[in-house]
Amino acid sequence: MRKFRRLFYKYIKCLEMLIAIFLTGAVMIAGFQIVQNFILQILHGISDFDFNSLLGNIFTLIIGVEFIRMILKPTSGNVLEVVLFTVAKSLVLAHSSMNSYLLGILALGILFAIRKYLFVEITPLEHELLPAAQTDLAAHPYQKTREKEPHEPPVS
């Protein structure tokens, strides 16, 4: 049974890598298309330039890159960044009511508060996979270990 789990885990990792490769290709193609459309708009005149469309496409690329990072290294930090960028995109590009803006700003505030105060760097799966010597350090990523400085006697 354990051998089956390892084989299944390797299969899933390969599948994730394949998805990440396809997504990387799609992001690259979309990036080239954005540059191409931008150059064509400059050549044909800036009077019909749609900045919101350009900004939306760039935000989509950023979210795509963050999503690829999340697939390749699924940590809670990467997931939180994808959600942050998605909420920020909808907040910047959506032209809706003040209530929607207020909810978006509250959502961003809650996400930043989670990131600052409740953020845990290590997941339970990572805890199982890490050796025991690394788990104590990884469980407290913000706690810096200090080496004790030698105590010098006061100079008189």
N, C-alpha and C. Protein backbone atom coordinates (compact mmCIF):
# COMPACT_ATOMS: atom_id res chain seq x y z
N MET A 1 0.82 -1.20 0.00
CA MET A 1 0.00 0.00 0.00
C MET A 1 0.86 1.26 0.00
N ARG A 2 1.94 1.23 0.78
CA ARG A 2 2.83 2.38 0.86
C ARG A 2 3.50 2.64 -0.50
N LYS A 3 3.85 1.57 -1.20
CA LYS A 3 4.48 1.71 -2.51
C LYS A 3 3.49 2.33 -3.50
N PHE A 4 2.22 1.95 -3.39
CA PHE A 4 1.19 2.52 -4.26
C PHE A 4 1.04 4.01 -3.99
N ARG A 5 1.06 4.41 -2.72
CA ARG A 5 0.94 5.83 -2.38
C ARG A 5 2.10 6.63 -2.96
N ARG A 6 3.31 6.11 -2.84
CA ARG A 6 4.47 6.81 -3.39
C ARG A 6 4.36 6.94 -4.91
N LEU A 7 3.94 5.86 -5.57
CA LEU A 7 3.79 5.88 -7.01
C LEU A 7 2.69 6.86 -7.42
N PHE A 8 1.59 6.87 -6.69
CA PHE A 8 0.50 7.79 -6.97
C PHE A 8 0.95 9.24 -6.74
N TYR A 9 1.71 9.47 -5.68
CA TYR A 9 2.22 10.81 -5.38
C TYR A 9 3.15 11.29 -6.50
N LYS A 10 4.01 10.41 -6.99
CA LYS A 10 4.90 10.78 -8.10
C LYS A 10 4.10 11.07 -9.37
N TYR A 11 3.05 10.29 -9.61
CA TYR A 11 2.19 10.52 -10.77
C TYR A 11 1.52 11.89 -10.68
N ILE A 12 1.01 12.21 -9.51
CA ILE A 12 0.35 13.51 -9.31
C ILE A 12 1.35 14.64 -9.49
N LYS A 13 2.57 14.48 -8.98
CA LYS A 13 3.60 15.51 -9.15
C LYS A 13 3.93 15.71 -10.63
N CYS A 14 4.01 14.62 -11.38
CA CYS A 14 4.27 14.73 -12.83
C CYS A 14 3.11 15.43 -13.53
N LEU A 15 1.90 15.11 -13.12
CA LEU A 15 0.73 15.75 -13.70
C LEU A 15 0.72 17.25 -13.40
N GLU A 16 1.06 17.61 -12.17
CA GLU A 16 1.15 19.03 -11.81
C GLU A 16 2.22 19.74 -12.64
N MET A 17 3.35 19.08 -12.84
CA MET A 17 4.42 19.67 -13.65
C MET A 17 3.97 19.86 -15.09
N LEU A 18 3.24 18.91 -15.62
CA LEU A 18 2.72 19.02 -16.98
C LEU A 18 1.73 20.19 -17.11
N ILE A 19 0.86 20.32 -16.13
CA ILE A 19 -0.08 21.44 -16.12
C ILE A 19 0.67 22.76 -16.03
N ALA A 20 1.70 22.81 -15.18
CA ALA A 20 2.49 24.04 -15.04
C ALA A 20 3.20 24.39 -16.34
N ILE A 21 3.67 23.40 -17.07
CA ILE A 21 4.33 23.65 -18.36
C ILE A 21 3.34 24.21 -19.36
N PHE A 22 2.15 23.62 -19.43
CA PHE A 22 1.12 24.14 -20.34
C PHE A 22 0.70 25.56 -19.97
N LEU A 23 0.54 25.80 -18.67
CA LEU A 23 0.18 27.15 -18.22
C LEU A 23 1.29 28.16 -18.53
N THR A 24 2.53 27.74 -18.38
CA THR A 24 3.65 28.63 -18.71
C THR A 24 3.62 28.98 -20.19
N GLY A 25 3.37 28.01 -21.03
CA GLY A 25 3.25 28.29 -22.46
C GLY A 25 2.11 29.24 -22.77
N ALA A 26 0.98 29.03 -22.10
CA ALA A 26 -0.18 29.91 -22.32
C ALA A 26 0.12 31.34 -21.86
N VAL A 27 0.80 31.47 -20.72
CA VAL A 27 1.15 32.80 -20.21
C VAL A 27 2.13 33.48 -21.16
N MET A 28 3.08 32.74 -21.69
CA MET A 28 4.04 33.32 -22.63
C MET A 28 3.35 33.77 -23.91
N ILE A 29 2.45 32.96 -24.44
CA ILE A 29 1.72 33.34 -25.65
C ILE A 29 0.87 34.57 -25.39
N ALA A 30 0.19 34.60 -24.24
CA ALA A 30 -0.62 35.76 -23.89
C ALA A 30 0.25 37.01 -23.73
N GLY A 31 1.43 36.85 -23.15
CA GLY A 31 2.35 37.98 -23.00
C GLY A 31 2.80 38.53 -24.35
N PHE A 32 3.11 37.64 -25.27
CA PHE A 32 3.50 38.09 -26.62
C PHE A 32 2.34 38.81 -27.30
N GLN A 33 1.13 38.29 -27.12
CA GLN A 33 -0.03 38.93 -27.72
C GLN A 33 -0.29 40.31 -27.13
N ILE A 34 -0.07 40.48 -25.83
CA ILE A 34 -0.24 41.79 -25.21
C ILE A 34 0.76 42.79 -25.79
N VAL A 35 2.02 42.36 -25.91
CA VAL A 35 3.04 43.24 -26.48
C VAL A 35 2.70 43.57 -27.93
N GLN A 36 2.26 42.58 -28.69
CA GLN A 36 1.91 42.79 -30.09
C GLN A 36 0.73 43.76 -30.21
N ASN A 37 -0.30 43.57 -29.42
CA ASN A 37 -1.45 44.48 -29.46
C ASN A 37 -1.07 45.89 -29.03
N PHE A 38 -0.19 46.01 -28.04
CA PHE A 38 0.25 47.32 -27.58
C PHE A 38 1.01 48.05 -28.69
N ILE A 39 1.89 47.34 -29.37
CA ILE A 39 2.65 47.96 -30.47
C ILE A 39 1.71 48.35 -31.60
N LEU A 40 0.75 47.48 -31.93
CA LEU A 40 -0.20 47.81 -33.00
C LEU A 40 -1.06 49.02 -32.62
N GLN A 41 -1.44 49.14 -31.37
CA GLN A 41 -2.23 50.29 -30.95
C GLN A 41 -1.41 51.57 -31.02
N ILE A 42 -0.14 51.49 -30.70
CA ILE A 42 0.72 52.67 -30.80
C ILE A 42 0.89 53.07 -32.27
N LEU A 43 1.08 52.10 -33.14
CA LEU A 43 1.27 52.40 -34.56
C LEU A 43 0.01 52.96 -35.22
N HIS A 44 -1.15 52.52 -34.80
CA HIS A 44 -2.41 52.98 -35.39
C HIS A 44 -2.97 54.22 -34.71
N GLY A 45 -2.35 54.65 -33.67
CA GLY A 45 -2.82 55.85 -32.98
C GLY A 45 -3.30 55.52 -31.59
N ILE A 46 -3.01 56.41 -30.69
CA ILE A 46 -3.32 56.18 -29.29
C ILE A 46 -4.73 56.65 -28.96
N SER A 47 -5.44 57.23 -29.89
CA SER A 47 -6.76 57.75 -29.58
C SER A 47 -7.75 56.65 -29.16
N ASP A 48 -7.57 55.46 -29.68
CA ASP A 48 -8.47 54.37 -29.31
C ASP A 48 -7.82 53.40 -28.31
N PHE A 49 -6.80 53.88 -27.60
CA PHE A 49 -6.08 53.06 -26.64
C PHE A 49 -6.97 52.75 -25.44
N ASP A 50 -7.10 51.48 -25.10
CA ASP A 50 -7.93 51.05 -23.99
C ASP A 50 -7.03 50.60 -22.84
N PHE A 51 -6.78 51.52 -21.93
CA PHE A 51 -5.87 51.23 -20.81
C PHE A 51 -6.44 50.17 -19.88
N ASN A 52 -7.74 50.17 -19.65
CA ASN A 52 -8.34 49.17 -18.77
C ASN A 52 -8.16 47.76 -19.31
N SER A 53 -8.27 47.63 -20.62
CA SER A 53 -8.08 46.32 -21.23
C SER A 53 -6.62 45.85 -21.07
N LEU A 54 -5.68 46.78 -21.29
CA LEU A 54 -4.27 46.45 -21.12
C LEU A 54 -3.97 46.08 -19.68
N LEU A 55 -4.50 46.85 -18.75
CA LEU A 55 -4.28 46.58 -17.33
C LEU A 55 -4.90 45.24 -16.93
N GLY A 56 -6.08 44.94 -17.44
CA GLY A 56 -6.71 43.66 -17.16
C GLY A 56 -5.91 42.49 -17.69
N ASN A 57 -5.36 42.64 -18.89
CA ASN A 57 -4.54 41.56 -19.46
C ASN A 57 -3.25 41.37 -18.66
N ILE A 58 -2.65 42.47 -18.23
CA ILE A 58 -1.42 42.35 -17.44
C ILE A 58 -1.70 41.72 -16.09
N PHE A 59 -2.80 42.12 -15.45
CA PHE A 59 -3.19 41.48 -14.19
C PHE A 59 -3.43 39.98 -14.39
N THR A 60 -4.05 39.62 -15.50
CA THR A 60 -4.29 38.21 -15.78
C THR A 60 -2.98 37.46 -15.93
N LEU A 61 -1.98 38.07 -16.57
CA LEU A 61 -0.67 37.44 -16.68
C LEU A 61 -0.02 37.27 -15.30
N ILE A 62 -0.12 38.29 -14.48
CA ILE A 62 0.46 38.22 -13.14
C ILE A 62 -0.20 37.10 -12.33
N ILE A 63 -1.51 37.03 -12.41
CA ILE A 63 -2.23 35.97 -11.70
C ILE A 63 -1.84 34.60 -12.26
N GLY A 64 -1.64 34.51 -13.58
CA GLY A 64 -1.21 33.26 -14.19
C GLY A 64 0.16 32.83 -13.69
N VAL A 65 1.09 33.78 -13.61
CA VAL A 65 2.43 33.46 -13.11
C VAL A 65 2.37 33.03 -11.65
N GLU A 66 1.60 33.73 -10.84
CA GLU A 66 1.45 33.35 -9.44
C GLU A 66 0.77 31.98 -9.31
N PHE A 67 -0.17 31.69 -10.19
CA PHE A 67 -0.84 30.39 -10.17
C PHE A 67 0.15 29.27 -10.50
N ILE A 68 1.04 29.53 -11.46
CA ILE A 68 2.07 28.54 -11.80
C ILE A 68 2.98 28.31 -10.60
N ARG A 69 3.37 29.39 -9.92
CA ARG A 69 4.18 29.26 -8.71
C ARG A 69 3.45 28.45 -7.66
N MET A 70 2.15 28.68 -7.55
CA MET A 70 1.37 27.95 -6.56
C MET A 70 1.30 26.46 -6.90
N ILE A 71 1.22 26.13 -8.18
CA ILE A 71 1.19 24.71 -8.58
C ILE A 71 2.53 24.05 -8.30
N LEU A 72 3.62 24.75 -8.63
CA LEU A 72 4.94 24.16 -8.46
C LEU A 72 5.37 24.07 -7.00
N LYS A 73 4.97 25.06 -6.21
CA LYS A 73 5.32 25.05 -4.79
C LYS A 73 4.08 25.42 -4.00
N PRO A 74 3.25 24.43 -3.68
CA PRO A 74 1.97 24.73 -3.04
C PRO A 74 2.11 25.04 -1.55
N THR A 75 2.42 26.29 -1.26
CA THR A 75 2.49 26.73 0.12
C THR A 75 1.32 27.67 0.39
N SER A 76 1.04 27.88 1.63
CA SER A 76 -0.05 28.78 1.98
C SER A 76 0.26 30.21 1.56
N GLY A 77 1.53 30.57 1.53
CA GLY A 77 1.92 31.91 1.07
C GLY A 77 1.61 32.13 -0.39
N ASN A 78 1.89 31.14 -1.23
CA ASN A 78 1.60 31.27 -2.65
C ASN A 78 0.10 31.32 -2.91
N VAL A 79 -0.66 30.53 -2.19
CA VAL A 79 -2.12 30.56 -2.35
C VAL A 79 -2.66 31.92 -1.94
N LEU A 80 -2.14 32.46 -0.85
CA LEU A 80 -2.58 33.77 -0.37
C LEU A 80 -2.25 34.86 -1.38
N GLU A 81 -1.09 34.77 -2.03
CA GLU A 81 -0.72 35.76 -3.03
C GLU A 81 -1.64 35.70 -4.25
N VAL A 82 -2.01 34.50 -4.67
CA VAL A 82 -2.93 34.38 -5.81
C VAL A 82 -4.27 35.03 -5.47
N VAL A 83 -4.76 34.78 -4.26
CA VAL A 83 -6.03 35.37 -3.84
C VAL A 83 -5.91 36.89 -3.74
N LEU A 84 -4.78 37.37 -3.21
CA LEU A 84 -4.56 38.82 -3.10
C LEU A 84 -4.59 39.49 -4.48
N PHE A 85 -3.87 38.92 -5.44
CA PHE A 85 -3.85 39.49 -6.78
C PHE A 85 -5.21 39.43 -7.45
N THR A 86 -5.95 38.36 -7.21
CA THR A 86 -7.27 38.24 -7.82
C THR A 86 -8.23 39.28 -7.26
N VAL A 87 -8.20 39.47 -5.95
CA VAL A 87 -9.07 40.48 -5.35
C VAL A 87 -8.64 41.88 -5.80
N ALA A 88 -7.34 42.12 -5.88
CA ALA A 88 -6.86 43.43 -6.33
C ALA A 88 -7.25 43.69 -7.77
N LYS A 89 -7.20 42.66 -8.62
CA LYS A 89 -7.60 42.84 -10.02
C LYS A 89 -9.08 43.21 -10.10
N SER A 90 -9.90 42.50 -9.37
CA SER A 90 -11.33 42.80 -9.44
C SER A 90 -11.63 44.17 -8.85
N LEU A 91 -10.86 44.59 -7.88
CA LEU A 91 -11.06 45.89 -7.26
C LEU A 91 -10.64 47.02 -8.19
N VAL A 92 -9.52 46.84 -8.88
CA VAL A 92 -9.01 47.90 -9.76
C VAL A 92 -9.82 47.99 -11.06
N LEU A 93 -10.19 46.86 -11.62
CA LEU A 93 -10.80 46.87 -12.95
C LEU A 93 -12.32 46.93 -12.96
N ALA A 94 -12.94 46.52 -11.87
CA ALA A 94 -14.41 46.51 -11.85
C ALA A 94 -14.92 47.92 -11.59
N HIS A 95 -15.80 48.37 -12.44
CA HIS A 95 -16.43 49.68 -12.24
C HIS A 95 -17.83 49.42 -11.71
N SER A 96 -17.89 49.27 -10.40
CA SER A 96 -19.17 48.93 -9.79
C SER A 96 -19.49 49.90 -8.67
N SER A 97 -20.38 49.51 -7.82
CA SER A 97 -20.88 50.40 -6.77
C SER A 97 -19.85 50.58 -5.65
N MET A 98 -20.12 51.55 -4.81
CA MET A 98 -19.25 51.82 -3.67
C MET A 98 -19.27 50.66 -2.67
N ASN A 99 -20.40 49.96 -2.59
CA ASN A 99 -20.47 48.80 -1.70
C ASN A 99 -19.50 47.71 -2.15
N SER A 100 -19.39 47.51 -3.45
CA SER A 100 -18.45 46.52 -3.97
C SER A 100 -17.02 46.92 -3.67
N TYR A 101 -16.72 48.21 -3.83
CA TYR A 101 -15.38 48.69 -3.49
C TYR A 101 -15.09 48.50 -2.01
N LEU A 102 -16.06 48.81 -1.17
CA LEU A 102 -15.88 48.65 0.26
C LEU A 102 -15.63 47.19 0.62
N LEU A 103 -16.41 46.28 0.04
CA LEU A 103 -16.20 44.86 0.30
C LEU A 103 -14.83 44.39 -0.20
N GLY A 104 -14.41 44.90 -1.36
CA GLY A 104 -13.09 44.54 -1.88
C GLY A 104 -11.97 45.03 -0.98
N ILE A 105 -12.10 46.26 -0.50
CA ILE A 105 -11.08 46.80 0.39
C ILE A 105 -11.06 46.05 1.71
N LEU A 106 -12.23 45.70 2.23
CA LEU A 106 -12.29 44.89 3.45
C LEU A 106 -11.66 43.52 3.24
N ALA A 107 -11.91 42.93 2.07
CA ALA A 107 -11.32 41.62 1.76
C ALA A 107 -9.79 41.72 1.70
N LEU A 108 -9.29 42.79 1.06
CA LEU A 108 -7.84 42.97 1.02
C LEU A 108 -7.27 43.18 2.42
N GLY A 109 -7.97 43.97 3.23
CA GLY A 109 -7.52 44.19 4.60
C GLY A 109 -7.48 42.91 5.40
N ILE A 110 -8.51 42.09 5.24
CA ILE A 110 -8.54 40.80 5.95
C ILE A 110 -7.41 39.90 5.47
N LEU A 111 -7.18 39.87 4.15
CA LEU A 111 -6.09 39.04 3.62
C LEU A 111 -4.73 39.50 4.12
N PHE A 112 -4.52 40.82 4.16
CA PHE A 112 -3.25 41.32 4.68
C PHE A 112 -3.11 41.04 6.17
N ALA A 113 -4.20 41.12 6.91
CA ALA A 113 -4.16 40.80 8.34
C ALA A 113 -3.84 39.31 8.54
N ILE A 114 -4.44 38.47 7.73
CA ILE A 114 -4.14 37.04 7.80
C ILE A 114 -2.66 36.82 7.50
N ARG A 115 -2.18 37.51 6.48
CA ARG A 115 -0.78 37.34 6.08
C ARG A 115 0.16 37.80 7.19
N LYS A 116 -0.20 38.87 7.88
CA LYS A 116 0.69 39.40 8.90
C LYS A 116 0.58 38.66 10.23
N TYR A 117 -0.64 38.36 10.68
CA TYR A 117 -0.81 37.85 12.04
C TYR A 117 -1.09 36.34 12.12
N LEU A 118 -1.74 35.77 11.14
CA LEU A 118 -2.13 34.36 11.23
C LEU A 118 -1.39 33.46 10.27
N PHE A 119 -0.46 34.00 9.55
CA PHE A 119 0.22 33.25 8.50
C PHE A 119 1.13 32.19 9.10
N VAL A 120 0.94 30.95 8.66
CA VAL A 120 1.77 29.84 9.10
C VAL A 120 2.53 29.36 7.88
N GLU A 121 3.84 29.34 7.99
CA GLU A 121 4.69 29.03 6.84
C GLU A 121 4.65 27.55 6.46
N ILE A 122 4.47 26.67 7.43
CA ILE A 122 4.56 25.24 7.16
C ILE A 122 3.17 24.61 7.19
N THR A 123 2.91 23.74 6.23
CA THR A 123 1.64 23.04 6.15
C THR A 123 1.76 21.69 6.86
N PRO A 124 0.64 21.07 7.20
CA PRO A 124 0.72 19.75 7.85
C PRO A 124 1.42 18.70 6.98
N LEU A 125 1.22 18.77 5.66
CA LEU A 125 1.89 17.83 4.78
C LEU A 125 3.39 18.05 4.81
N GLU A 126 3.82 19.31 4.78
CA GLU A 126 5.24 19.60 4.86
C GLU A 126 5.81 19.16 6.20
N HIS A 127 5.01 19.28 7.26
CA HIS A 127 5.47 18.87 8.58
C HIS A 127 5.77 17.37 8.61
N GLU A 128 4.96 16.58 7.92
CA GLU A 128 5.19 15.14 7.86
C GLU A 128 6.41 14.80 7.03
N LEU A 129 6.68 15.60 5.99
CA LEU A 129 7.76 15.28 5.07
C LEU A 129 9.11 15.79 5.55
N LEU A 130 9.13 16.81 6.41
CA LEU A 130 10.39 17.37 6.87
C LEU A 130 11.00 16.49 7.97
N PRO A 131 12.31 16.43 7.99
CA PRO A 131 12.95 15.72 9.10
C PRO A 131 12.69 16.45 10.41
N ALA A 132 12.79 15.73 11.50
CA ALA A 132 12.47 16.29 12.82
C ALA A 132 13.35 17.48 13.17
N ALA A 133 14.59 17.50 12.70
CA ALA A 133 15.49 18.59 13.03
C ALA A 133 15.06 19.90 12.38
N GLN A 134 14.40 19.83 11.23
CA GLN A 134 14.01 21.04 10.52
C GLN A 134 12.64 21.55 10.95
N THR A 135 11.82 20.72 11.54
CA THR A 135 10.45 21.14 11.85
C THR A 135 10.41 22.23 12.91
N ASP A 136 11.29 22.18 13.89
CA ASP A 136 11.28 23.21 14.91
C ASP A 136 11.61 24.57 14.32
N LEU A 137 12.57 24.63 13.42
CA LEU A 137 12.95 25.88 12.78
C LEU A 137 11.88 26.32 11.79
N ALA A 138 11.32 25.38 11.05
CA ALA A 138 10.33 25.73 10.04
C ALA A 138 9.00 26.12 10.65
N ALA A 139 8.68 25.60 11.83
CA ALA A 139 7.41 25.92 12.47
C ALA A 139 7.38 27.36 12.95
N HIS A 140 8.52 27.96 13.16
CA HIS A 140 8.60 29.34 13.63
C HIS A 140 9.46 30.14 12.66
N PRO A 141 8.95 30.43 11.45
CA PRO A 141 9.78 31.07 10.43
C PRO A 141 10.17 32.50 10.78
N TYR A 142 9.38 33.17 11.60
CA TYR A 142 9.68 34.57 11.91
C TYR A 142 10.53 34.72 13.17
N GLN A 143 10.72 33.65 13.88
CA GLN A 143 11.53 33.71 15.09
C GLN A 143 12.98 33.52 14.69
N LYS A 144 13.75 34.54 14.90
CA LYS A 144 15.16 34.46 14.56
C LYS A 144 15.93 33.85 15.72
N THR A 145 16.84 32.98 15.36
CA THR A 145 17.67 32.40 16.40
C THR A 145 18.91 33.27 16.55
N ARG A 146 19.20 33.62 17.77
CA ARG A 146 20.37 34.45 18.03
C ARG A 146 21.44 33.61 18.73
N GLU A 147 22.63 33.86 18.30
CA GLU A 147 23.73 33.25 19.03
C GLU A 147 24.03 34.15 20.21
N LYS A 148 24.32 33.55 21.31
CA LYS A 148 24.61 34.35 22.49
C LYS A 148 25.93 35.06 22.30
N GLU A 149 25.89 36.34 22.55
CA GLU A 149 27.12 37.11 22.47
C GLU A 149 27.88 36.95 23.77
N PRO A 150 29.17 36.90 23.66
CA PRO A 150 29.95 36.77 24.91
C PRO A 150 29.75 38.02 25.76
N HIS A 151 29.59 37.80 27.01
CA HIS A 151 29.35 38.91 27.93
C HIS A 151 30.69 39.55 28.28
N GLU A 152 30.79 40.84 27.99
CA GLU A 152 32.00 41.56 28.31
C GLU A 152 31.80 42.34 29.59
N PRO A 153 32.78 42.35 30.44
CA PRO A 153 32.63 43.12 31.67
C PRO A 153 32.60 44.61 31.37
N PRO A 154 31.90 45.39 32.17
CA PRO A 154 31.83 46.83 31.92
C PRO A 154 33.20 47.47 32.06
N VAL A 155 33.43 48.43 31.18
CA VAL A 155 34.71 49.15 31.21
C VAL A 155 34.58 50.28 32.21
N SER A 156 35.56 50.41 33.13
CA SER A 156 35.47 51.48 34.12
C SER A 156 36.41 52.62 33.80
